[in-house]
Amino acid sequence: MDRESVPEEIDIAQGLADTLAMLLHKSRTNSVDVRLEVAADLPRVFGFGSEINQVWEKLVDNAIDAAGRSGHVTGRRDVRAAITVCRAM
């Protein structure tokens, strides 16, 4: 059986941190400040890590594009997830 077809325990905070690290060059190139605010006691969830990380990657990548030069993107995760984009005017 394909390992990817079995849900695993996922560390959402680590997945978000990895996504931000992957997009760090793009954010710096566009002068976009990207921050991650995650609750310290965030529980793990069961799911498909690679698929969830693809969602984070698309959300943050689009947020960087939407923020424009010198904008701000904040990823928050506590009871619910949120990506906040502040466009510099």
Protein backbone atom coordinates (compact mmCIF):
# COMPACT_ATOMS: atom_id res chain seq x y z
CA MET A 1 0.00 0.00 0.00
CA ASP A 2 1.21 3.47 -0.84
CA ARG A 3 2.32 5.24 2.35
CA GLU A 4 0.85 8.51 1.05
CA SER A 5 -2.65 6.99 1.12
CA VAL A 6 -2.57 6.56 4.90
CA PRO A 7 -3.24 9.62 7.07
CA GLU A 8 -0.43 10.40 9.50
CA GLU A 9 -0.05 12.62 12.53
CA ILE A 10 1.00 16.05 11.25
CA ASP A 11 2.68 18.97 12.99
CA ILE A 12 0.86 21.93 11.44
CA ALA A 13 3.26 24.46 12.99
CA GLN A 14 6.26 22.71 11.44
CA GLY A 15 4.55 22.50 8.06
CA LEU A 16 3.86 26.25 8.12
CA ALA A 17 7.42 27.01 9.22
CA ASP A 18 8.82 24.83 6.41
CA THR A 19 6.57 26.60 3.89
CA LEU A 20 7.73 30.03 5.03
CA ALA A 21 11.36 28.91 4.83
CA MET A 22 10.77 27.66 1.28
CA LEU A 23 9.26 31.02 0.25
CA LEU A 24 11.78 33.19 2.12
CA HIS A 25 13.73 34.15 -1.01
CA LYS A 26 10.57 35.25 -2.84
CA SER A 27 9.39 37.32 0.13
CA ARG A 28 12.78 39.01 0.51
CA THR A 29 13.02 39.69 -3.23
CA ASN A 30 9.63 41.43 -3.05
CA SER A 31 10.42 43.20 0.27
CA VAL A 32 7.47 41.44 1.92
CA ASP A 33 7.64 40.85 5.66
CA VAL A 34 6.36 37.32 6.39
CA ARG A 35 5.68 36.22 9.97
CA LEU A 36 4.36 33.07 11.59
CA GLU A 37 2.37 33.20 14.84
CA VAL A 38 1.52 29.74 16.14
CA ALA A 39 0.08 28.75 19.51
CA ALA A 40 2.65 26.88 21.59
CA ASP A 41 0.15 24.14 22.48
CA LEU A 42 -1.12 23.55 18.95
CA PRO A 43 -2.22 19.90 18.72
CA ARG A 44 -1.14 17.61 15.92
CA VAL A 45 -3.74 16.53 13.38
CA PHE A 46 -4.19 13.44 11.24
CA GLY A 47 -4.02 13.96 7.50
CA PHE A 48 -1.83 13.89 4.43
CA GLY A 49 1.18 16.08 5.17
CA SER A 50 2.29 16.67 1.59
CA GLU A 51 -1.20 17.76 0.55
CA ILE A 52 -1.62 20.08 3.53
CA ASN A 53 1.81 21.61 2.86
CA GLN A 54 0.82 22.22 -0.77
CA VAL A 55 -2.19 24.18 0.48
CA TRP A 56 0.01 26.27 2.81
CA GLU A 57 2.47 26.87 -0.02
CA LYS A 58 -0.23 28.13 -2.40
CA LEU A 59 -1.86 30.32 0.26
CA VAL A 60 1.39 31.95 1.36
CA ASP A 61 2.71 32.30 -2.20
CA ASN A 62 -0.51 34.04 -3.26
CA ALA A 63 -0.42 36.20 -0.13
CA ILE A 64 3.12 37.36 -0.97
CA ASP A 65 1.94 38.28 -4.47
CA ALA A 66 -1.10 40.12 -3.08
CA ALA A 67 0.91 42.01 -0.45
CA GLY A 68 2.94 43.86 -3.06
CA ARG A 69 6.29 45.49 -2.39
CA SER A 70 6.89 46.30 1.28
CA GLY A 71 3.69 44.51 2.30
CA HIS A 72 3.17 42.16 5.25
CA VAL A 73 1.94 38.57 5.45
CA THR A 74 1.18 36.91 8.79
CA GLY A 75 0.34 33.23 9.18
CA ARG A 76 -1.58 32.54 12.39
CA ARG A 77 -2.68 29.22 13.81
CA ASP A 78 -4.47 28.79 17.10
CA VAL A 79 -8.04 27.52 17.19
CA ARG A 80 -8.35 28.18 13.44
CA ALA A 81 -5.93 29.01 10.67
CA ALA A 82 -5.62 32.46 9.11
CA ILE A 83 -3.41 34.12 6.55
CA THR A 84 -3.46 37.91 6.83
CA VAL A 85 -2.21 40.12 4.00
CA CYS A 86 -1.46 43.81 4.50
CA ARG A 87 -0.71 45.67 1.30
CA ALA A 88 1.67 48.63 1.56
CA MET A 89 0.18 51.79 0.07
